N, C-alpha and C. Protein backbone atom coordinates (compact mmCIF):
# COMPACT_ATOMS: atom_id res chain seq x y z
N UNK A 1 -17.13 128.85 -191.85
CA UNK A 1 -16.19 128.74 -190.70
C UNK A 1 -15.76 127.23 -190.51
N UNK A 2 -14.46 127.00 -190.42
CA UNK A 2 -13.82 125.72 -190.28
C UNK A 2 -14.01 125.16 -188.85
N UNK A 3 -14.53 124.05 -188.63
CA UNK A 3 -14.62 123.34 -187.31
C UNK A 3 -13.59 122.29 -187.15
N UNK A 4 -12.85 122.50 -186.02
CA UNK A 4 -11.87 121.64 -185.65
C UNK A 4 -12.44 120.25 -185.11
N UNK A 5 -12.05 119.23 -185.69
CA UNK A 5 -12.60 117.79 -185.14
C UNK A 5 -11.24 117.03 -184.71
N UNK A 6 -11.32 116.61 -183.41
CA UNK A 6 -10.36 115.92 -182.85
C UNK A 6 -10.76 114.28 -182.69
N UNK A 7 -9.82 113.57 -182.81
CA UNK A 7 -9.99 112.06 -182.70
C UNK A 7 -10.08 111.75 -181.19
N UNK A 8 -10.60 110.57 -181.07
CA UNK A 8 -10.76 110.07 -179.57
C UNK A 8 -9.43 110.08 -178.93
N UNK A 9 -8.27 109.59 -179.55
CA UNK A 9 -6.92 109.51 -178.95
C UNK A 9 -6.41 110.96 -178.65
N UNK A 10 -6.77 111.91 -179.64
CA UNK A 10 -6.19 113.27 -179.35
C UNK A 10 -6.86 113.87 -178.09
N UNK A 11 -8.15 113.62 -178.05
CA UNK A 11 -8.97 114.08 -176.86
C UNK A 11 -8.40 113.62 -175.56
N UNK A 12 -7.99 112.24 -175.69
CA UNK A 12 -7.52 111.75 -174.37
C UNK A 12 -6.11 112.33 -174.06
N UNK A 13 -5.30 112.59 -175.10
CA UNK A 13 -3.98 113.12 -174.78
C UNK A 13 -4.23 114.64 -174.17
N UNK A 14 -5.17 115.41 -174.75
CA UNK A 14 -5.39 116.61 -174.22
C UNK A 14 -5.92 116.76 -172.73
N UNK A 15 -6.79 115.69 -172.45
CA UNK A 15 -7.24 115.41 -171.15
C UNK A 15 -6.00 115.16 -170.12
N UNK A 16 -5.18 114.28 -170.64
CA UNK A 16 -3.95 114.00 -169.80
C UNK A 16 -3.12 115.14 -169.56
N UNK A 17 -2.89 115.90 -170.58
CA UNK A 17 -2.12 117.18 -170.49
C UNK A 17 -2.68 118.14 -169.43
N UNK A 18 -4.02 118.26 -169.54
CA UNK A 18 -4.76 119.07 -168.56
C UNK A 18 -4.72 118.74 -167.19
N UNK A 19 -4.71 117.46 -166.98
CA UNK A 19 -4.69 116.88 -165.60
C UNK A 19 -3.11 117.24 -165.19
N UNK A 20 -2.18 116.97 -166.03
CA UNK A 20 -0.68 117.16 -165.56
C UNK A 20 -0.54 118.63 -165.15
N UNK A 21 -1.12 119.62 -166.04
CA UNK A 21 -0.95 121.05 -165.85
C UNK A 21 -1.58 121.26 -164.47
N UNK A 22 -2.66 120.84 -164.19
CA UNK A 22 -3.37 121.16 -162.99
C UNK A 22 -2.59 120.60 -161.68
N UNK A 23 -2.08 119.37 -161.80
CA UNK A 23 -1.22 118.83 -160.74
C UNK A 23 -0.10 119.81 -160.43
N UNK A 24 0.54 120.16 -161.62
CA UNK A 24 1.89 121.09 -161.53
C UNK A 24 1.35 122.38 -160.77
N UNK A 25 0.41 122.85 -161.08
CA UNK A 25 -0.21 124.11 -160.47
C UNK A 25 -0.32 123.93 -158.93
N UNK A 26 -1.07 122.88 -158.58
CA UNK A 26 -1.22 122.58 -157.17
C UNK A 26 0.07 122.31 -156.34
N UNK A 27 0.97 121.54 -157.07
CA UNK A 27 2.20 121.42 -156.49
C UNK A 27 3.09 122.65 -156.23
N UNK A 28 2.95 123.58 -157.17
CA UNK A 28 3.45 125.04 -157.19
C UNK A 28 3.00 125.61 -156.01
N UNK A 29 1.72 125.84 -155.90
CA UNK A 29 1.12 126.56 -154.81
C UNK A 29 1.59 125.89 -153.52
N UNK A 30 1.53 124.55 -153.35
CA UNK A 30 1.87 123.95 -152.28
C UNK A 30 3.22 124.29 -151.74
N UNK A 31 4.19 124.32 -152.80
CA UNK A 31 5.61 124.54 -152.39
C UNK A 31 5.70 126.12 -151.98
N UNK A 32 4.94 126.93 -152.60
CA UNK A 32 5.10 128.34 -152.35
C UNK A 32 4.59 128.67 -150.87
N UNK A 33 3.39 127.91 -150.52
CA UNK A 33 2.90 128.03 -149.18
C UNK A 33 3.76 127.40 -148.14
N UNK A 34 4.46 126.41 -148.50
CA UNK A 34 5.49 125.95 -147.52
C UNK A 34 6.60 126.71 -147.33
N UNK A 35 7.03 127.43 -148.30
CA UNK A 35 8.18 128.31 -148.23
C UNK A 35 7.78 129.57 -147.29
N UNK A 36 6.61 130.04 -147.56
CA UNK A 36 6.01 131.19 -146.79
C UNK A 36 5.96 130.94 -145.36
N UNK A 37 5.47 129.50 -145.14
CA UNK A 37 5.22 129.17 -143.68
C UNK A 37 6.48 129.05 -143.05
N UNK A 38 7.65 128.47 -143.72
CA UNK A 38 8.96 128.37 -143.12
C UNK A 38 9.66 129.55 -142.85
N UNK A 39 9.38 130.52 -143.72
CA UNK A 39 9.87 131.84 -143.35
C UNK A 39 9.03 132.83 -142.49
N UNK A 40 7.81 132.28 -142.13
CA UNK A 40 6.99 133.17 -141.26
C UNK A 40 7.50 133.10 -139.86
N UNK A 41 7.55 134.32 -139.14
CA UNK A 41 7.80 134.44 -137.86
C UNK A 41 6.93 133.54 -136.91
N UNK A 42 5.75 133.35 -137.24
CA UNK A 42 4.75 132.60 -136.37
C UNK A 42 5.24 131.14 -136.19
N UNK A 43 6.12 130.53 -137.00
CA UNK A 43 6.62 129.29 -136.98
C UNK A 43 7.87 129.16 -135.99
N UNK A 44 8.37 130.37 -135.47
CA UNK A 44 9.50 130.20 -134.61
C UNK A 44 9.21 130.03 -133.16
N UNK A 45 9.89 129.34 -132.59
CA UNK A 45 9.75 128.91 -131.20
C UNK A 45 10.92 129.08 -130.34
N UNK A 46 10.97 129.94 -129.31
CA UNK A 46 12.13 130.26 -128.50
C UNK A 46 11.76 129.90 -127.07
N UNK A 47 12.81 130.12 -126.16
CA UNK A 47 12.53 130.14 -124.73
C UNK A 47 12.75 131.53 -124.08
N UNK A 48 12.11 131.85 -123.12
CA UNK A 48 12.26 132.97 -122.16
C UNK A 48 13.56 132.83 -121.45
N UNK A 49 14.09 133.90 -120.89
CA UNK A 49 15.25 133.69 -120.06
C UNK A 49 14.92 132.93 -118.80
N UNK A 50 13.70 132.67 -118.49
CA UNK A 50 13.26 131.89 -117.31
C UNK A 50 13.03 130.47 -117.80
N UNK A 51 13.40 130.14 -119.04
CA UNK A 51 13.40 128.73 -119.63
C UNK A 51 11.89 128.26 -119.83
N UNK A 52 11.09 129.06 -120.15
CA UNK A 52 9.66 128.79 -120.51
C UNK A 52 9.45 128.86 -122.03
N UNK A 53 8.71 127.89 -122.73
CA UNK A 53 8.60 127.88 -124.09
C UNK A 53 7.79 129.11 -124.51
N UNK A 54 8.18 129.60 -125.71
CA UNK A 54 7.36 130.67 -126.26
C UNK A 54 7.38 130.52 -127.78
N UNK A 55 6.07 130.57 -128.31
CA UNK A 55 5.90 130.48 -129.81
C UNK A 55 5.32 131.76 -130.31
N UNK A 56 5.93 132.24 -131.36
CA UNK A 56 5.50 133.59 -132.00
C UNK A 56 4.11 133.42 -132.66
N UNK A 57 3.39 132.20 -132.50
CA UNK A 57 2.06 132.16 -132.90
C UNK A 57 1.13 133.04 -131.99
N UNK A 58 1.69 133.33 -130.82
CA UNK A 58 0.89 134.03 -129.87
C UNK A 58 0.66 135.49 -130.24
N UNK A 59 1.48 136.00 -131.14
CA UNK A 59 1.35 137.43 -131.57
C UNK A 59 0.15 137.85 -132.35
N UNK A 60 -0.50 136.76 -132.79
CA UNK A 60 -1.74 136.88 -133.44
C UNK A 60 -2.93 137.50 -132.57
N UNK A 61 -2.59 137.23 -131.24
CA UNK A 61 -3.60 137.73 -130.28
C UNK A 61 -3.54 139.26 -130.09
N UNK A 62 -2.36 139.81 -130.42
CA UNK A 62 -2.09 141.24 -130.15
C UNK A 62 -2.56 142.05 -131.27
N UNK A 63 -2.91 143.32 -130.98
CA UNK A 63 -3.15 144.34 -132.00
C UNK A 63 -1.96 144.62 -132.79
N UNK A 64 -0.74 144.61 -132.18
CA UNK A 64 0.54 144.62 -132.74
C UNK A 64 1.62 144.24 -131.70
N UNK A 65 2.83 143.91 -132.19
CA UNK A 65 3.82 143.47 -131.36
C UNK A 65 5.18 144.05 -131.69
N UNK A 66 5.89 144.37 -130.71
CA UNK A 66 7.32 144.89 -130.89
C UNK A 66 8.39 143.91 -130.45
N UNK A 67 9.23 143.70 -131.34
CA UNK A 67 10.34 142.84 -130.87
C UNK A 67 11.62 143.80 -130.87
N UNK A 68 12.27 143.69 -129.64
CA UNK A 68 13.52 144.56 -129.46
C UNK A 68 14.75 143.79 -129.18
N UNK A 69 15.76 143.84 -130.07
CA UNK A 69 16.94 143.22 -129.84
C UNK A 69 17.74 143.91 -128.89
N UNK A 70 18.28 143.33 -127.84
CA UNK A 70 18.94 143.97 -126.74
C UNK A 70 20.16 143.26 -126.31
N UNK A 71 20.98 143.85 -125.78
CA UNK A 71 22.27 143.27 -125.07
C UNK A 71 22.46 143.89 -123.72
N UNK A 72 22.63 143.22 -122.66
CA UNK A 72 22.77 143.82 -121.46
C UNK A 72 23.97 144.68 -121.10
N UNK A 73 24.97 144.44 -121.86
CA UNK A 73 26.29 145.05 -121.73
C UNK A 73 26.34 146.30 -122.78
N UNK A 74 25.40 146.44 -123.62
CA UNK A 74 25.47 147.57 -124.55
C UNK A 74 25.16 148.85 -123.99
N UNK A 75 26.04 149.81 -124.05
CA UNK A 75 25.62 151.14 -123.45
C UNK A 75 24.31 151.79 -123.90
N UNK A 76 24.10 151.72 -125.11
CA UNK A 76 22.77 152.15 -125.62
C UNK A 76 21.59 151.41 -125.01
N UNK A 77 21.68 150.21 -124.95
CA UNK A 77 20.66 149.44 -124.42
C UNK A 77 20.40 149.86 -122.92
N UNK A 78 21.41 150.17 -122.11
CA UNK A 78 21.38 150.55 -120.79
C UNK A 78 20.69 151.90 -120.70
N UNK A 79 21.18 152.69 -121.68
CA UNK A 79 20.70 154.25 -121.68
C UNK A 79 19.10 154.16 -122.02
N UNK A 80 18.54 153.21 -122.75
CA UNK A 80 17.14 153.21 -123.17
C UNK A 80 16.33 152.48 -122.11
N UNK A 81 16.98 151.92 -121.01
CA UNK A 81 16.27 151.09 -120.07
C UNK A 81 14.93 151.77 -119.56
N UNK A 82 15.04 152.95 -119.11
CA UNK A 82 13.82 153.70 -118.60
C UNK A 82 12.80 153.97 -119.59
N UNK A 83 13.38 154.38 -120.84
CA UNK A 83 12.51 154.52 -121.96
C UNK A 83 11.67 153.33 -122.25
N UNK A 84 12.28 152.04 -122.31
CA UNK A 84 11.60 150.87 -122.60
C UNK A 84 10.64 150.63 -121.59
N UNK A 85 10.77 150.89 -120.32
CA UNK A 85 9.86 150.69 -119.28
C UNK A 85 8.50 151.47 -119.52
N UNK A 86 8.83 152.75 -119.89
CA UNK A 86 7.69 153.76 -120.05
C UNK A 86 6.96 153.30 -121.33
N UNK A 87 7.56 152.96 -122.43
CA UNK A 87 6.92 152.53 -123.65
C UNK A 87 6.18 151.33 -123.40
N UNK A 88 6.54 150.31 -122.71
CA UNK A 88 5.95 149.03 -122.31
C UNK A 88 4.57 149.43 -121.78
N UNK A 89 4.67 150.35 -120.70
CA UNK A 89 3.42 150.74 -119.94
C UNK A 89 2.38 151.31 -120.87
N UNK A 90 2.78 152.26 -121.88
CA UNK A 90 2.02 152.94 -122.80
C UNK A 90 1.46 151.96 -123.73
N UNK A 91 2.30 151.23 -124.38
CA UNK A 91 1.78 150.26 -125.43
C UNK A 91 0.90 148.98 -124.99
N UNK A 92 1.23 148.58 -123.63
CA UNK A 92 0.50 147.52 -123.18
C UNK A 92 -0.93 147.92 -122.99
N UNK A 93 -1.31 149.15 -122.63
CA UNK A 93 -2.59 149.74 -122.58
C UNK A 93 -3.50 149.78 -124.04
N UNK A 94 -2.65 149.76 -125.13
CA UNK A 94 -3.20 149.65 -126.43
C UNK A 94 -3.21 148.28 -127.01
N UNK A 95 -2.92 147.23 -126.20
CA UNK A 95 -2.84 145.93 -126.57
C UNK A 95 -1.77 145.74 -127.62
N UNK A 96 -0.59 146.41 -127.45
CA UNK A 96 0.52 146.22 -128.16
C UNK A 96 1.64 145.63 -127.21
N UNK A 97 1.97 144.54 -127.56
CA UNK A 97 2.93 143.79 -126.54
C UNK A 97 4.53 143.86 -127.05
N UNK A 98 5.38 144.12 -126.01
CA UNK A 98 6.71 144.09 -126.35
C UNK A 98 7.52 142.76 -125.95
N UNK A 99 8.60 142.47 -126.70
CA UNK A 99 9.31 141.16 -126.50
C UNK A 99 10.79 141.72 -126.64
N UNK A 100 11.56 141.43 -125.49
CA UNK A 100 13.00 141.66 -125.70
C UNK A 100 13.62 140.33 -126.17
N UNK A 101 14.55 140.42 -127.07
CA UNK A 101 15.30 139.41 -127.48
C UNK A 101 16.88 139.55 -127.45
N UNK A 102 17.45 138.53 -126.81
CA UNK A 102 18.84 138.52 -126.70
C UNK A 102 19.51 137.40 -127.59
N UNK A 103 20.34 137.73 -128.67
CA UNK A 103 20.69 136.73 -129.61
C UNK A 103 22.20 136.13 -129.12
N UNK A 104 22.40 135.03 -129.57
CA UNK A 104 23.66 134.31 -129.41
C UNK A 104 23.79 133.85 -127.93
N UNK A 105 24.95 133.40 -127.64
CA UNK A 105 25.30 132.70 -126.30
C UNK A 105 26.33 133.46 -125.33
N UNK A 106 26.50 134.83 -125.73
CA UNK A 106 27.47 135.46 -124.98
C UNK A 106 27.13 135.97 -123.67
N UNK A 107 25.76 135.98 -123.30
CA UNK A 107 25.34 136.37 -122.00
C UNK A 107 24.64 135.34 -121.18
N UNK A 108 25.11 135.16 -120.04
CA UNK A 108 24.48 134.21 -119.19
C UNK A 108 23.13 134.70 -118.73
N UNK A 109 22.18 133.83 -118.31
CA UNK A 109 20.81 134.20 -117.84
C UNK A 109 20.88 135.13 -116.69
N UNK A 110 21.81 135.06 -115.84
CA UNK A 110 21.78 135.90 -114.63
C UNK A 110 22.02 137.30 -115.02
N UNK A 111 22.91 137.50 -116.02
CA UNK A 111 23.26 138.97 -116.60
C UNK A 111 22.02 139.52 -117.20
N UNK A 112 21.31 138.69 -117.96
CA UNK A 112 20.10 139.28 -118.62
C UNK A 112 19.05 139.58 -117.61
N UNK A 113 18.87 138.76 -116.57
CA UNK A 113 17.77 138.90 -115.57
C UNK A 113 18.27 140.14 -114.67
N UNK A 114 19.51 140.34 -114.47
CA UNK A 114 20.01 141.50 -113.78
C UNK A 114 19.66 142.83 -114.68
N UNK A 115 19.75 142.86 -115.86
CA UNK A 115 19.54 143.85 -116.75
C UNK A 115 17.97 144.27 -116.71
N UNK A 116 17.21 143.11 -116.81
CA UNK A 116 15.76 143.28 -116.79
C UNK A 116 15.29 143.79 -115.46
N UNK A 117 15.89 143.38 -114.32
CA UNK A 117 15.41 143.90 -113.00
C UNK A 117 15.95 145.27 -112.68
N UNK A 118 17.21 145.55 -113.37
CA UNK A 118 17.70 146.85 -113.14
C UNK A 118 16.68 148.05 -113.59
N UNK A 119 16.10 147.76 -114.67
CA UNK A 119 15.18 148.80 -115.24
C UNK A 119 13.60 148.39 -114.94
N UNK A 120 13.48 147.39 -114.20
CA UNK A 120 12.11 146.92 -113.97
C UNK A 120 11.33 146.67 -115.15
N UNK A 121 11.74 145.93 -116.04
CA UNK A 121 11.29 145.68 -117.28
C UNK A 121 10.35 144.50 -117.11
N UNK A 122 9.03 144.53 -117.46
CA UNK A 122 8.06 143.46 -117.27
C UNK A 122 7.79 142.58 -118.54
N UNK A 123 8.08 143.06 -119.66
CA UNK A 123 7.94 142.32 -120.93
C UNK A 123 8.80 141.17 -120.89
N UNK A 124 8.30 140.03 -121.75
CA UNK A 124 9.36 138.85 -121.74
C UNK A 124 10.57 138.96 -122.40
N UNK A 125 11.65 138.36 -121.94
CA UNK A 125 12.92 138.42 -122.64
C UNK A 125 13.14 137.10 -123.27
N UNK A 126 13.31 136.87 -124.56
CA UNK A 126 13.50 135.65 -125.24
C UNK A 126 14.95 135.45 -125.62
N UNK A 127 15.34 134.19 -125.55
CA UNK A 127 16.71 133.70 -126.01
C UNK A 127 16.73 133.25 -127.25
N UNK A 128 17.62 133.79 -128.08
CA UNK A 128 17.82 133.30 -129.52
C UNK A 128 19.23 132.80 -129.78
N UNK A 129 19.62 131.78 -129.11
CA UNK A 129 21.09 131.30 -129.11
C UNK A 129 21.56 130.96 -130.47
N UNK A 130 20.81 130.44 -131.41
CA UNK A 130 21.10 129.98 -132.78
C UNK A 130 20.83 131.17 -133.82
N UNK A 131 20.38 132.32 -133.40
CA UNK A 131 20.17 133.40 -134.35
C UNK A 131 18.97 133.14 -135.36
N UNK A 132 18.09 132.26 -134.78
CA UNK A 132 16.92 131.99 -135.65
C UNK A 132 16.10 133.19 -136.07
N UNK A 133 15.58 133.84 -134.95
CA UNK A 133 14.78 134.94 -135.04
C UNK A 133 15.58 136.17 -135.65
N UNK A 134 16.83 136.29 -135.20
CA UNK A 134 17.83 137.28 -135.68
C UNK A 134 17.97 137.28 -137.12
N UNK A 135 18.24 136.24 -137.77
CA UNK A 135 18.35 136.04 -139.18
C UNK A 135 17.04 136.11 -139.73
N UNK A 136 15.96 135.73 -139.29
CA UNK A 136 14.63 135.81 -139.91
C UNK A 136 14.18 137.35 -140.20
N UNK A 137 14.55 138.17 -139.12
CA UNK A 137 14.30 139.50 -139.25
C UNK A 137 15.40 140.39 -139.62
N UNK A 138 16.62 139.83 -139.86
CA UNK A 138 17.87 140.37 -140.40
C UNK A 138 18.37 141.43 -139.36
N UNK A 139 18.26 141.14 -138.14
CA UNK A 139 18.78 142.24 -137.09
C UNK A 139 20.13 142.04 -137.12
N UNK A 140 20.84 143.25 -136.71
CA UNK A 140 22.27 143.40 -136.77
C UNK A 140 22.81 144.23 -135.50
N UNK A 141 21.89 145.01 -134.97
CA UNK A 141 22.16 145.96 -134.02
C UNK A 141 21.42 145.94 -132.79
N UNK A 142 22.00 146.37 -131.61
CA UNK A 142 21.01 146.60 -130.45
C UNK A 142 21.27 147.91 -129.94
N UNK A 143 20.31 148.62 -129.53
CA UNK A 143 18.89 148.21 -129.65
C UNK A 143 18.43 148.43 -130.98
N UNK A 144 17.42 147.46 -131.38
CA UNK A 144 16.90 147.64 -132.57
C UNK A 144 15.55 147.06 -132.52
N UNK A 145 14.40 147.82 -133.02
CA UNK A 145 13.07 147.64 -132.75
C UNK A 145 12.40 147.12 -134.08
N UNK A 146 11.52 146.08 -134.00
CA UNK A 146 10.63 145.73 -135.16
C UNK A 146 9.21 145.68 -134.70
N UNK A 147 8.30 146.49 -135.42
CA UNK A 147 6.92 146.53 -135.10
C UNK A 147 6.19 145.57 -136.01
N UNK A 148 5.52 144.54 -135.58
CA UNK A 148 4.95 143.49 -136.33
C UNK A 148 3.31 143.47 -136.21
N UNK A 149 2.85 143.38 -137.32
CA UNK A 149 1.18 143.12 -137.41
C UNK A 149 0.89 141.74 -136.79
N UNK A 150 -0.38 141.50 -136.52
CA UNK A 150 -0.81 140.25 -135.88
C UNK A 150 -0.45 138.97 -136.85
N UNK A 151 -0.16 139.21 -138.15
CA UNK A 151 0.29 138.13 -139.04
C UNK A 151 1.82 137.97 -139.01
N UNK A 152 2.39 138.81 -138.21
CA UNK A 152 3.93 138.69 -138.16
C UNK A 152 4.69 139.52 -139.32
N UNK A 153 3.95 140.33 -140.09
CA UNK A 153 4.58 141.24 -141.14
C UNK A 153 5.18 142.39 -140.45
N UNK A 154 6.45 142.71 -140.84
CA UNK A 154 7.22 143.87 -140.24
C UNK A 154 6.58 145.03 -140.87
N UNK A 155 6.13 146.01 -139.94
CA UNK A 155 5.57 147.27 -140.33
C UNK A 155 6.51 148.36 -140.16
N UNK A 156 7.44 148.29 -139.28
CA UNK A 156 8.54 149.23 -138.99
C UNK A 156 9.65 148.59 -138.27
N UNK A 157 10.86 149.01 -138.82
CA UNK A 157 12.16 148.54 -138.11
C UNK A 157 13.14 149.53 -137.94
N UNK A 158 13.97 149.55 -137.04
CA UNK A 158 15.11 150.45 -136.78
C UNK A 158 15.18 151.09 -135.40
N UNK A 159 15.45 152.31 -135.35
CA UNK A 159 15.57 153.09 -134.03
C UNK A 159 14.25 153.13 -133.26
N UNK A 160 14.41 153.35 -132.03
CA UNK A 160 13.22 153.69 -131.13
C UNK A 160 12.96 155.17 -131.25
N UNK A 161 13.92 156.02 -131.21
CA UNK A 161 13.74 157.48 -131.50
C UNK A 161 15.15 158.01 -131.86
N UNK A 162 15.17 159.30 -131.94
CA UNK A 162 16.49 159.82 -132.53
C UNK A 162 17.31 160.39 -131.33
N UNK A 163 17.18 159.94 -130.24
CA UNK A 163 18.18 160.36 -129.05
C UNK A 163 19.55 160.16 -129.42
N UNK A 164 19.96 158.95 -129.73
CA UNK A 164 21.16 158.53 -130.17
C UNK A 164 21.22 158.37 -131.71
N UNK A 165 22.03 159.33 -132.33
CA UNK A 165 21.96 159.34 -133.89
C UNK A 165 23.25 158.87 -134.55
N UNK A 166 24.30 158.68 -133.73
CA UNK A 166 25.53 158.08 -134.14
C UNK A 166 26.27 157.49 -132.95
N UNK A 167 27.25 156.63 -133.17
CA UNK A 167 27.95 155.98 -132.09
C UNK A 167 28.76 157.05 -131.28
N UNK A 168 28.36 157.07 -130.09
CA UNK A 168 29.05 158.14 -129.15
C UNK A 168 28.38 159.51 -129.25
N UNK A 169 27.33 159.70 -130.09
CA UNK A 169 26.62 161.03 -130.20
C UNK A 169 25.13 160.97 -129.89
N UNK A 170 24.74 161.71 -128.91
CA UNK A 170 23.36 161.71 -128.54
C UNK A 170 22.89 163.27 -128.33
N UNK A 171 21.59 163.34 -128.43
CA UNK A 171 20.86 164.67 -128.12
C UNK A 171 20.44 164.74 -126.80
N UNK A 172 20.23 165.98 -126.42
CA UNK A 172 19.83 166.21 -124.95
C UNK A 172 18.49 165.52 -124.82
N UNK A 173 17.63 165.65 -125.78
CA UNK A 173 16.32 165.07 -125.72
C UNK A 173 16.00 164.49 -127.18
N UNK A 174 15.31 163.42 -127.22
CA UNK A 174 14.77 162.95 -128.50
C UNK A 174 13.77 163.93 -129.11
N UNK A 175 13.71 164.08 -130.40
CA UNK A 175 12.78 165.04 -131.04
C UNK A 175 11.95 164.25 -132.12
N UNK A 176 12.43 163.00 -132.41
CA UNK A 176 11.51 162.17 -133.42
C UNK A 176 11.37 160.79 -132.72
N UNK A 177 10.14 160.44 -132.73
CA UNK A 177 9.81 159.26 -131.92
C UNK A 177 9.25 158.08 -132.82
N UNK A 178 10.26 157.56 -133.52
CA UNK A 178 9.94 156.62 -134.78
C UNK A 178 8.98 155.44 -134.44
N UNK A 179 9.39 154.76 -133.41
CA UNK A 179 8.64 153.68 -133.05
C UNK A 179 7.14 153.99 -132.52
N UNK A 180 7.07 154.86 -131.71
CA UNK A 180 5.79 155.37 -131.17
C UNK A 180 4.83 155.90 -132.31
N UNK A 181 5.46 156.61 -133.30
CA UNK A 181 4.71 157.19 -134.45
C UNK A 181 4.18 155.98 -135.23
N UNK A 182 5.13 155.06 -135.46
CA UNK A 182 4.65 153.90 -136.32
C UNK A 182 3.55 153.07 -135.63
N UNK A 183 3.62 152.85 -134.28
CA UNK A 183 2.56 152.13 -133.61
C UNK A 183 1.11 152.93 -133.70
N UNK A 184 1.16 154.24 -133.48
CA UNK A 184 0.08 155.04 -133.45
C UNK A 184 -0.54 154.99 -134.81
N UNK A 185 0.33 155.29 -135.72
CA UNK A 185 -0.24 155.28 -137.25
C UNK A 185 -0.91 153.87 -137.60
N UNK A 186 -0.25 152.74 -137.22
CA UNK A 186 -0.82 151.39 -137.51
C UNK A 186 -2.17 151.20 -136.85
N UNK A 187 -2.31 151.57 -135.54
CA UNK A 187 -3.42 151.48 -134.82
C UNK A 187 -4.61 152.31 -135.49
N UNK A 188 -4.25 153.34 -135.88
CA UNK A 188 -5.27 154.27 -136.52
C UNK A 188 -5.53 154.03 -138.00
N UNK A 189 -4.83 152.90 -138.41
CA UNK A 189 -4.93 152.42 -139.85
C UNK A 189 -4.67 153.52 -140.84
N UNK A 190 -3.51 154.22 -140.37
CA UNK A 190 -2.94 155.33 -141.27
C UNK A 190 -1.54 154.91 -141.84
N UNK A 191 -1.08 155.35 -142.88
CA UNK A 191 0.16 155.11 -143.46
C UNK A 191 1.24 155.52 -142.43
N UNK A 192 2.25 154.46 -142.37
CA UNK A 192 3.25 154.69 -141.44
C UNK A 192 4.22 155.75 -141.94
N UNK A 193 4.48 156.85 -141.06
CA UNK A 193 5.24 157.92 -141.52
C UNK A 193 6.58 157.52 -142.10
N UNK A 194 7.23 156.67 -141.45
CA UNK A 194 8.57 156.18 -141.91
C UNK A 194 8.69 154.66 -141.41
N UNK A 195 8.87 153.83 -142.51
CA UNK A 195 8.76 152.54 -142.20
C UNK A 195 10.16 151.81 -141.83
N UNK A 196 11.17 152.53 -141.76
CA UNK A 196 12.54 152.13 -141.42
C UNK A 196 13.42 153.12 -141.15
N UNK A 197 14.40 152.99 -140.21
CA UNK A 197 15.50 153.75 -139.83
C UNK A 197 16.70 153.02 -139.75
N UNK A 198 17.88 153.58 -139.74
CA UNK A 198 19.16 152.76 -139.48
C UNK A 198 19.39 152.72 -137.98
N UNK A 199 19.38 151.60 -137.30
CA UNK A 199 19.61 151.35 -135.87
C UNK A 199 21.00 151.83 -135.56
N UNK A 200 21.19 152.44 -134.46
CA UNK A 200 22.60 152.83 -133.97
C UNK A 200 22.83 152.12 -132.66
N UNK A 201 23.88 151.55 -132.46
CA UNK A 201 24.19 150.90 -131.06
C UNK A 201 25.33 149.87 -131.24
N UNK A 202 25.11 148.67 -130.64
CA UNK A 202 26.07 147.62 -130.70
C UNK A 202 25.82 146.44 -131.52
N UNK A 203 26.76 145.98 -132.30
CA UNK A 203 26.63 144.96 -133.19
C UNK A 203 26.26 143.59 -132.58
N UNK A 204 25.35 142.89 -133.20
CA UNK A 204 24.96 141.58 -132.45
C UNK A 204 26.15 140.67 -133.02
N UNK A 205 26.57 139.84 -132.05
CA UNK A 205 27.55 138.78 -132.36
C UNK A 205 27.31 137.43 -131.79
């Protein structure tokens, strides 16, 4: 069996190469971590409609969180007002918190507060004037729901239920409850029955 023998200078070269490889690996992992952190919803900070600071780091305290993109003038958002109040009451008892989000600068604070008061909605309304959260979650429609785990990962997104299934077309009563089913499955540690649906409503502008 032939035994390889390296000179002292060759050993030094190999040591230096090994050090360089290790440094490159560490840098690569650091860059990947920084990218993940920059894309994480936890790093996003917004303000409530009452101009109070809000950080999405807080969602780690919840069993799950629901982000709802809404617009006060959208007919679908108004039609879902009572449903949102009822869902908030049910989910809150399960330590699942809801957050309304209004993207852009088209709606004055007073109009958003009027919408919130009209349906007696108790959950926070967050302002996203620069579309930071909107782009992060790739939201395009209101109402559009996102169910997040405590780490900020999207578990379900799309419709609240199937009451409105096309623009201008609704059912007498909803027969599929996508958001509720997703919440219940997640809390029971079961597979999500449907992890996404196509939201129907008004385009975010």
